[in-house]
Structure formats: C-alpha cells, structure tokens
PDB file of all heavy atoms in Angstrom:
ATOM      1  N   SER A   1     -75.509  11.498 -48.376  1.00  0.00           N
ATOM      2  CA  SER A   1     -76.907  11.165 -48.665  1.00  0.00           C
ATOM      3  C   SER A   1     -77.118   9.680 -48.917  1.00  0.00           C
ATOM      4  O   SER A   1     -78.221   9.167 -48.735  1.00  0.00           O
ATOM      5  CB  SER A   1     -77.393  11.966 -49.878  1.00  0.00           C
ATOM      6  OG  SER A   1     -76.589  11.678 -51.018  1.00  0.00           O
ATOM      7  N   GLU A   2     -76.088   8.967 -49.337  1.00  0.00           N
ATOM      8  CA  GLU A   2     -76.262   7.581 -49.736  1.00  0.00           C
ATOM      9  C   GLU A   2     -75.712   6.609 -48.698  1.00  0.00           C
ATOM     10  O   GLU A   2     -74.719   6.882 -48.024  1.00  0.00           O
ATOM     11  CB  GLU A   2     -75.569   7.327 -51.081  1.00  0.00           C
ATOM     12  CG  GLU A   2     -76.163   8.139 -52.228  1.00  0.00           C
ATOM     13  CD  GLU A   2     -75.470   7.837 -53.542  1.00  0.00           C
ATOM     14  OE1 GLU A   2     -74.482   7.075 -53.532  1.00  0.00           O
ATOM     15  OE2 GLU A   2     -75.925   8.358 -54.568  1.00  0.00           O
ATOM     16  N   THR A   3     -76.373   5.470 -48.591  1.00  0.00           N
ATOM     17  CA  THR A   3     -75.870   4.391 -47.745  1.00  0.00           C
ATOM     18  C   THR A   3     -74.864   3.571 -48.542  1.00  0.00           C
ATOM     19  O   THR A   3     -74.801   3.663 -49.774  1.00  0.00           O
ATOM     20  CB  THR A   3     -77.023   3.490 -47.279  1.00  0.00           C
ATOM     21  OG1 THR A   3     -77.719   2.990 -48.425  1.00  0.00           O
ATOM     22  CG2 THR A   3     -77.993   4.278 -46.421  1.00  0.00           C
ATOM     23  N   LEU A   4     -74.074   2.764 -47.856  1.00  0.00           N
ATOM     24  CA  LEU A   4     -73.081   1.947 -48.546  1.00  0.00           C
ATOM     25  C   LEU A   4     -73.769   0.850 -49.361  1.00  0.00           C
ATOM     26  O   LEU A   4     -74.838   0.359 -49.005  1.00  0.00           O
ATOM     27  CB  LEU A   4     -72.120   1.313 -47.544  1.00  0.00           C
ATOM     28  CG  LEU A   4     -71.279   2.268 -46.695  1.00  0.00           C
ATOM     29  CD1 LEU A   4     -70.251   1.477 -45.892  1.00  0.00           C
ATOM     30  CD2 LEU A   4     -70.601   3.320 -47.543  1.00  0.00           C
ATOM     31  N   SER A   5     -73.135   0.449 -50.436  1.00  0.00           N
ATOM     32  CA  SER A   5     -73.693  -0.579 -51.305  1.00  0.00           C
ATOM     33  C   SER A   5     -73.656  -1.948 -50.625  1.00  0.00           C
ATOM     34  O   SER A   5     -72.631  -2.327 -50.047  1.00  0.00           O
ATOM     35  CB  SER A   5     -72.910  -0.652 -52.612  1.00  0.00           C
ATOM     36  OG  SER A   5     -73.297  -1.782 -53.362  1.00  0.00           O
ATOM     37  N   PRO A   6     -74.739  -2.709 -50.688  1.00  0.00           N
ATOM     38  CA  PRO A   6     -74.747  -4.040 -50.072  1.00  0.00           C
ATOM     39  C   PRO A   6     -73.777  -5.005 -50.747  1.00  0.00           C
ATOM     40  O   PRO A   6     -73.371  -5.998 -50.143  1.00  0.00           O
ATOM     41  CB  PRO A   6     -76.197  -4.501 -50.243  1.00  0.00           C
ATOM     42  CG  PRO A   6     -76.732  -3.687 -51.365  1.00  0.00           C
ATOM     43  CD  PRO A   6     -76.054  -2.367 -51.275  1.00  0.00           C
ATOM     44  N   THR A   7     -73.390  -4.721 -51.982  1.00  0.00           N
ATOM     45  CA  THR A   7     -72.510  -5.631 -52.716  1.00  0.00           C
ATOM     46  C   THR A   7     -71.093  -5.679 -52.157  1.00  0.00           C
ATOM     47  O   THR A   7     -70.332  -6.585 -52.490  1.00  0.00           O
ATOM     48  CB  THR A   7     -72.455  -5.241 -54.201  1.00  0.00           C
ATOM     49  OG1 THR A   7     -71.943  -3.904 -54.319  1.00  0.00           O
ATOM     50  CG2 THR A   7     -73.841  -5.291 -54.826  1.00  0.00           C
ATOM     51  N   GLN A   8     -70.742  -4.720 -51.316  1.00  0.00           N
ATOM     52  CA  GLN A   8     -69.382  -4.719 -50.782  1.00  0.00           C
ATOM     53  C   GLN A   8     -69.239  -5.577 -49.529  1.00  0.00           C
ATOM     54  O   GLN A   8     -68.146  -5.691 -48.971  1.00  0.00           O
ATOM     55  CB  GLN A   8     -68.935  -3.289 -50.493  1.00  0.00           C
ATOM     56  CG  GLN A   8     -69.588  -2.632 -49.288  1.00  0.00           C
ATOM     57  CD  GLN A   8     -69.089  -1.211 -49.082  1.00  0.00           C
ATOM     58  OE1 GLN A   8     -69.433  -0.297 -49.829  1.00  0.00           O
ATOM     59  NE2 GLN A   8     -68.252  -1.023 -48.084  1.00  0.00           N
ATOM     60  N   PHE A   9     -70.329  -6.200 -49.103  1.00  0.00           N
ATOM     61  CA  PHE A   9     -70.297  -7.041 -47.914  1.00  0.00           C
ATOM     62  C   PHE A   9     -70.530  -8.499 -48.280  1.00  0.00           C
ATOM     63  O   PHE A   9     -71.508  -8.831 -48.959  1.00  0.00           O
ATOM     64  CB  PHE A   9     -71.357  -6.578 -46.913  1.00  0.00           C
ATOM     65  CG  PHE A   9     -71.172  -5.157 -46.461  1.00  0.00           C
ATOM     66  CD1 PHE A   9     -71.945  -4.144 -47.010  1.00  0.00           C
ATOM     67  CD2 PHE A   9     -70.209  -4.824 -45.519  1.00  0.00           C
ATOM     68  CE1 PHE A   9     -71.778  -2.828 -46.617  1.00  0.00           C
ATOM     69  CE2 PHE A   9     -70.033  -3.505 -45.116  1.00  0.00           C
ATOM     70  CZ  PHE A   9     -70.815  -2.510 -45.677  1.00  0.00           C
ATOM     71  N   ALA A  10     -69.634  -9.367 -47.821  1.00  0.00           N
ATOM     72  CA  ALA A  10     -69.713 -10.781 -48.166  1.00  0.00           C
ATOM     73  C   ALA A  10     -70.681 -11.547 -47.268  1.00  0.00           C
ATOM     74  O   ALA A  10     -71.308 -12.519 -47.696  1.00  0.00           O
ATOM     75  CB  ALA A  10     -68.318 -11.413 -48.080  1.00  0.00           C
ATOM     76  N   GLU A  11     -70.803 -11.129 -46.003  1.00  0.00           N
ATOM     77  CA  GLU A  11     -71.666 -11.838 -45.063  1.00  0.00           C
ATOM     78  C   GLU A  11     -73.131 -11.570 -45.396  1.00  0.00           C
ATOM     79  O   GLU A  11     -73.551 -10.436 -45.571  1.00  0.00           O
ATOM     80  CB  GLU A  11     -71.355 -11.366 -43.638  1.00  0.00           C
ATOM     81  CG  GLU A  11     -71.728 -12.371 -42.560  1.00  0.00           C
ATOM     82  CD  GLU A  11     -73.212 -12.319 -42.233  1.00  0.00           C
ATOM     83  OE1 GLU A  11     -73.751 -11.217 -42.086  1.00  0.00           O
ATOM     84  OE2 GLU A  11     -73.825 -13.392 -42.129  1.00  0.00           O
ATOM     85  N   GLY A  12     -73.913 -12.626 -45.518  1.00  0.00           N
ATOM     86  CA  GLY A  12     -75.281 -12.525 -46.018  1.00  0.00           C
ATOM     87  C   GLY A  12     -76.183 -11.600 -45.245  1.00  0.00           C
ATOM     88  O   GLY A  12     -76.902 -10.777 -45.824  1.00  0.00           O
ATOM     89  N   ARG A  13     -76.185 -11.709 -43.915  1.00  0.00           N
ATOM     90  CA  ARG A  13     -77.085 -10.875 -43.121  1.00  0.00           C
ATOM     91  C   ARG A  13     -76.716  -9.400 -43.226  1.00  0.00           C
ATOM     92  O   ARG A  13     -77.586  -8.529 -43.294  1.00  0.00           O
ATOM     93  CB  ARG A  13     -77.049 -11.314 -41.656  1.00  0.00           C
ATOM     94  CG  ARG A  13     -78.098 -10.605 -40.818  1.00  0.00           C
ATOM     95  CD  ARG A  13     -78.000 -10.927 -39.343  1.00  0.00           C
ATOM     96  NE  ARG A  13     -79.062 -10.274 -38.600  1.00  0.00           N
ATOM     97  CZ  ARG A  13     -79.091 -10.145 -37.278  1.00  0.00           C
ATOM     98  NH1 ARG A  13     -78.099 -10.671 -36.552  1.00  0.00           N
ATOM     99  NH2 ARG A  13     -80.084  -9.512 -36.693  1.00  0.00           N
ATOM    100  N   VAL A  14     -75.433  -9.125 -43.235  1.00  0.00           N
ATOM    101  CA  VAL A  14     -74.972  -7.743 -43.350  1.00  0.00           C
ATOM    102  C   VAL A  14     -75.372  -7.152 -44.701  1.00  0.00           C
ATOM    103  O   VAL A  14     -75.917  -6.041 -44.786  1.00  0.00           O
ATOM    104  CB  VAL A  14     -73.446  -7.658 -43.161  1.00  0.00           C
ATOM    105  CG1 VAL A  14     -72.942  -6.248 -43.446  1.00  0.00           C
ATOM    106  CG2 VAL A  14     -73.064  -8.077 -41.742  1.00  0.00           C
ATOM    107  N   ALA A  15     -75.121  -7.899 -45.769  1.00  0.00           N
ATOM    108  CA  ALA A  15     -75.483  -7.427 -47.112  1.00  0.00           C
ATOM    109  C   ALA A  15     -76.987  -7.180 -47.213  1.00  0.00           C
ATOM    110  O   ALA A  15     -77.430  -6.197 -47.823  1.00  0.00           O
ATOM    111  CB  ALA A  15     -75.043  -8.440 -48.160  1.00  0.00           C
ATOM    112  N   ASN A  16     -77.772  -8.052 -46.603  1.00  0.00           N
ATOM    113  CA  ASN A  16     -79.226  -7.892 -46.659  1.00  0.00           C
ATOM    114  C   ASN A  16     -79.666  -6.627 -45.932  1.00  0.00           C
ATOM    115  O   ASN A  16     -80.562  -5.914 -46.395  1.00  0.00           O
ATOM    116  CB  ASN A  16     -79.901  -9.110 -46.028  1.00  0.00           C
ATOM    117  CG  ASN A  16     -81.417  -9.007 -46.076  1.00  0.00           C
ATOM    118  OD1 ASN A  16     -82.015  -8.912 -47.151  1.00  0.00           O
ATOM    119  ND2 ASN A  16     -82.057  -9.019 -44.925  1.00  0.00           N
ATOM    120  N   ALA A  17     -79.041  -6.331 -44.793  1.00  0.00           N
ATOM    121  CA  ALA A  17     -79.407  -5.131 -44.036  1.00  0.00           C
ATOM    122  C   ALA A  17     -79.066  -3.866 -44.816  1.00  0.00           C
ATOM    123  O   ALA A  17     -79.843  -2.908 -44.832  1.00  0.00           O
ATOM    124  CB  ALA A  17     -78.700  -5.132 -42.689  1.00  0.00           C
ATOM    125  N   TYR A  18     -77.914  -3.870 -45.481  1.00  0.00           N
ATOM    126  CA  TYR A  18     -77.560  -2.705 -46.290  1.00  0.00           C
ATOM    127  C   TYR A  18     -78.475  -2.584 -47.511  1.00  0.00           C
ATOM    128  O   TYR A  18     -78.721  -1.483 -48.004  1.00  0.00           O
ATOM    129  CB  TYR A  18     -76.086  -2.761 -46.696  1.00  0.00           C
ATOM    130  CG  TYR A  18     -75.166  -2.230 -45.610  1.00  0.00           C
ATOM    131  CD1 TYR A  18     -74.706  -3.064 -44.594  1.00  0.00           C
ATOM    132  CD2 TYR A  18     -74.783  -0.899 -45.587  1.00  0.00           C
ATOM    133  CE1 TYR A  18     -73.883  -2.591 -43.589  1.00  0.00           C
ATOM    134  CE2 TYR A  18     -73.951  -0.408 -44.592  1.00  0.00           C
ATOM    135  CZ  TYR A  18     -73.514  -1.260 -43.587  1.00  0.00           C
ATOM    136  OH  TYR A  18     -72.705  -0.771 -42.592  1.00  0.00           O
ATOM    137  N   ARG A  19     -78.976  -3.708 -47.995  1.00  0.00           N
ATOM    138  CA  ARG A  19     -79.986  -3.665 -49.073  1.00  0.00           C
ATOM    139  C   ARG A  19     -81.254  -2.983 -48.577  1.00  0.00           C
ATOM    140  O   ARG A  19     -81.836  -2.146 -49.275  1.00  0.00           O
ATOM    141  CB  ARG A  19     -80.326  -5.089 -49.535  1.00  0.00           C
ATOM    142  CG  ARG A  19     -81.496  -5.129 -50.534  1.00  0.00           C
ATOM    143  CD  ARG A  19     -82.065  -6.526 -50.683  1.00  0.00           C
ATOM    144  NE  ARG A  19     -82.586  -7.077 -49.428  1.00  0.00           N
ATOM    145  CZ  ARG A  19     -83.767  -6.740 -48.907  1.00  0.00           C
ATOM    146  NH1 ARG A  19     -84.549  -5.839 -49.505  1.00  0.00           N
ATOM    147  NH2 ARG A  19     -84.168  -7.295 -47.772  1.00  0.00           N
ATOM    148  N   ILE A  20     -81.674  -3.315 -47.367  1.00  0.00           N
ATOM    149  CA  ILE A  20     -82.860  -2.699 -46.781  1.00  0.00           C
ATOM    150  C   ILE A  20     -82.672  -1.185 -46.691  1.00  0.00           C
ATOM    151  O   ILE A  20     -83.554  -0.398 -47.050  1.00  0.00           O
ATOM    152  CB  ILE A  20     -83.140  -3.287 -45.385  1.00  0.00           C
ATOM    153  CG1 ILE A  20     -83.502  -4.770 -45.493  1.00  0.00           C
ATOM    154  CG2 ILE A  20     -84.263  -2.512 -44.689  1.00  0.00           C
ATOM    155  CD1 ILE A  20     -83.577  -5.472 -44.143  1.00  0.00           C
ATOM    156  N   ALA A  21     -81.499  -0.779 -46.207  1.00  0.00           N
ATOM    157  CA  ALA A  21     -81.227   0.653 -46.060  1.00  0.00           C
ATOM    158  C   ALA A  21     -81.258   1.369 -47.406  1.00  0.00           C
ATOM    159  O   ALA A  21     -81.759   2.491 -47.517  1.00  0.00           O
ATOM    160  CB  ALA A  21     -79.869   0.856 -45.390  1.00  0.00           C
ATOM    161  N   ALA A  22     -80.737   0.710 -48.444  1.00  0.00           N
ATOM    162  CA  ALA A  22     -80.719   1.322 -49.769  1.00  0.00           C
ATOM    163  C   ALA A  22     -82.116   1.416 -50.364  1.00  0.00           C
ATOM    164  O   ALA A  22     -82.431   2.373 -51.089  1.00  0.00           O
ATOM    165  CB  ALA A  22     -79.806   0.518 -50.694  1.00  0.00           C
ATOM    166  N   GLN A  23     -82.971   0.459 -50.056  1.00  0.00           N
ATOM    167  CA  GLN A  23     -84.302   0.415 -50.648  1.00  0.00           C
ATOM    168  C   GLN A  23     -85.341   1.226 -49.884  1.00  0.00           C
ATOM    169  O   GLN A  23     -86.320   1.681 -50.468  1.00  0.00           O
ATOM    170  CB  GLN A  23     -84.773  -1.042 -50.765  1.00  0.00           C
ATOM    171  CG  GLN A  23     -83.982  -1.856 -51.782  1.00  0.00           C
ATOM    172  CD  GLN A  23     -84.471  -3.287 -51.877  1.00  0.00           C
ATOM    173  OE1 GLN A  23     -85.284  -3.747 -51.071  1.00  0.00           O
ATOM    174  NE2 GLN A  23     -83.963  -4.022 -52.869  1.00  0.00           N
ATOM    175  N   MET A  24     -85.150   1.406 -48.574  1.00  0.00           N
ATOM    176  CA  MET A  24     -86.139   2.153 -47.804  1.00  0.00           C
ATOM    177  C   MET A  24     -85.466   3.132 -46.823  1.00  0.00           C
ATOM    178  O   MET A  24     -85.664   3.060 -45.610  1.00  0.00           O
ATOM    179  CB  MET A  24     -87.090   1.210 -47.055  1.00  0.00           C
ATOM    180  CG  MET A  24     -86.409   0.074 -46.341  1.00  0.00           C
ATOM    181  SD  MET A  24     -87.550  -1.127 -45.508  1.00  0.00           S
ATOM    182  CE  MET A  24     -89.136  -0.806 -46.184  1.00  0.00           C
ATOM    183  N   PRO A  25     -84.650   4.056 -47.354  1.00  0.00           N
ATOM    184  CA  PRO A  25     -83.934   4.987 -46.470  1.00  0.00           C
ATOM    185  C   PRO A  25     -84.863   5.880 -45.654  1.00  0.00           C
ATOM    186  O   PRO A  25     -84.580   6.179 -44.496  1.00  0.00           O
ATOM    187  CB  PRO A  25     -83.081   5.810 -47.438  1.00  0.00           C
ATOM    188  CG  PRO A  25     -83.781   5.690 -48.760  1.00  0.00           C
ATOM    189  CD  PRO A  25     -84.330   4.302 -48.777  1.00  0.00           C
ATOM    190  N   ARG A  26     -85.967   6.332 -46.247  1.00  0.00           N
ATOM    191  CA  ARG A  26     -86.882   7.222 -45.514  1.00  0.00           C
ATOM    192  C   ARG A  26     -87.522   6.516 -44.334  1.00  0.00           C
ATOM    193  O   ARG A  26     -87.870   7.150 -43.340  1.00  0.00           O
ATOM    194  CB  ARG A  26     -87.951   7.769 -46.453  1.00  0.00           C
ATOM    195  CG  ARG A  26     -87.437   8.595 -47.619  1.00  0.00           C
ATOM    196  CD  ARG A  26     -86.907   9.959 -47.196  1.00  0.00           C
ATOM    197  NE  ARG A  26     -85.601   9.918 -46.537  1.00  0.00           N
ATOM    198  CZ  ARG A  26     -84.439   9.835 -47.180  1.00  0.00           C
ATOM    199  NH1 ARG A  26     -84.427   9.761 -48.504  1.00  0.00           N
ATOM    200  NH2 ARG A  26     -83.307   9.812 -46.523  1.00  0.00           N
TER     201      ARG A  26
END
C-alpha cells in the first residue's frame, strides 16, 4: 500500500518524485 520513502534517495529529482508519490498517491 505504501510508496518508498523519499528520504532514502540522495539524488534530488528522484527524492522529489517519491515525495510527490507519498503526498498524492490517489
């Protein structure tokens, strides 16, 4: 049910994309 945490990615663009997924999964 959960996406991966953005904090585990060092590259900025990748971390930002995972943040988007965590904040707006629907």
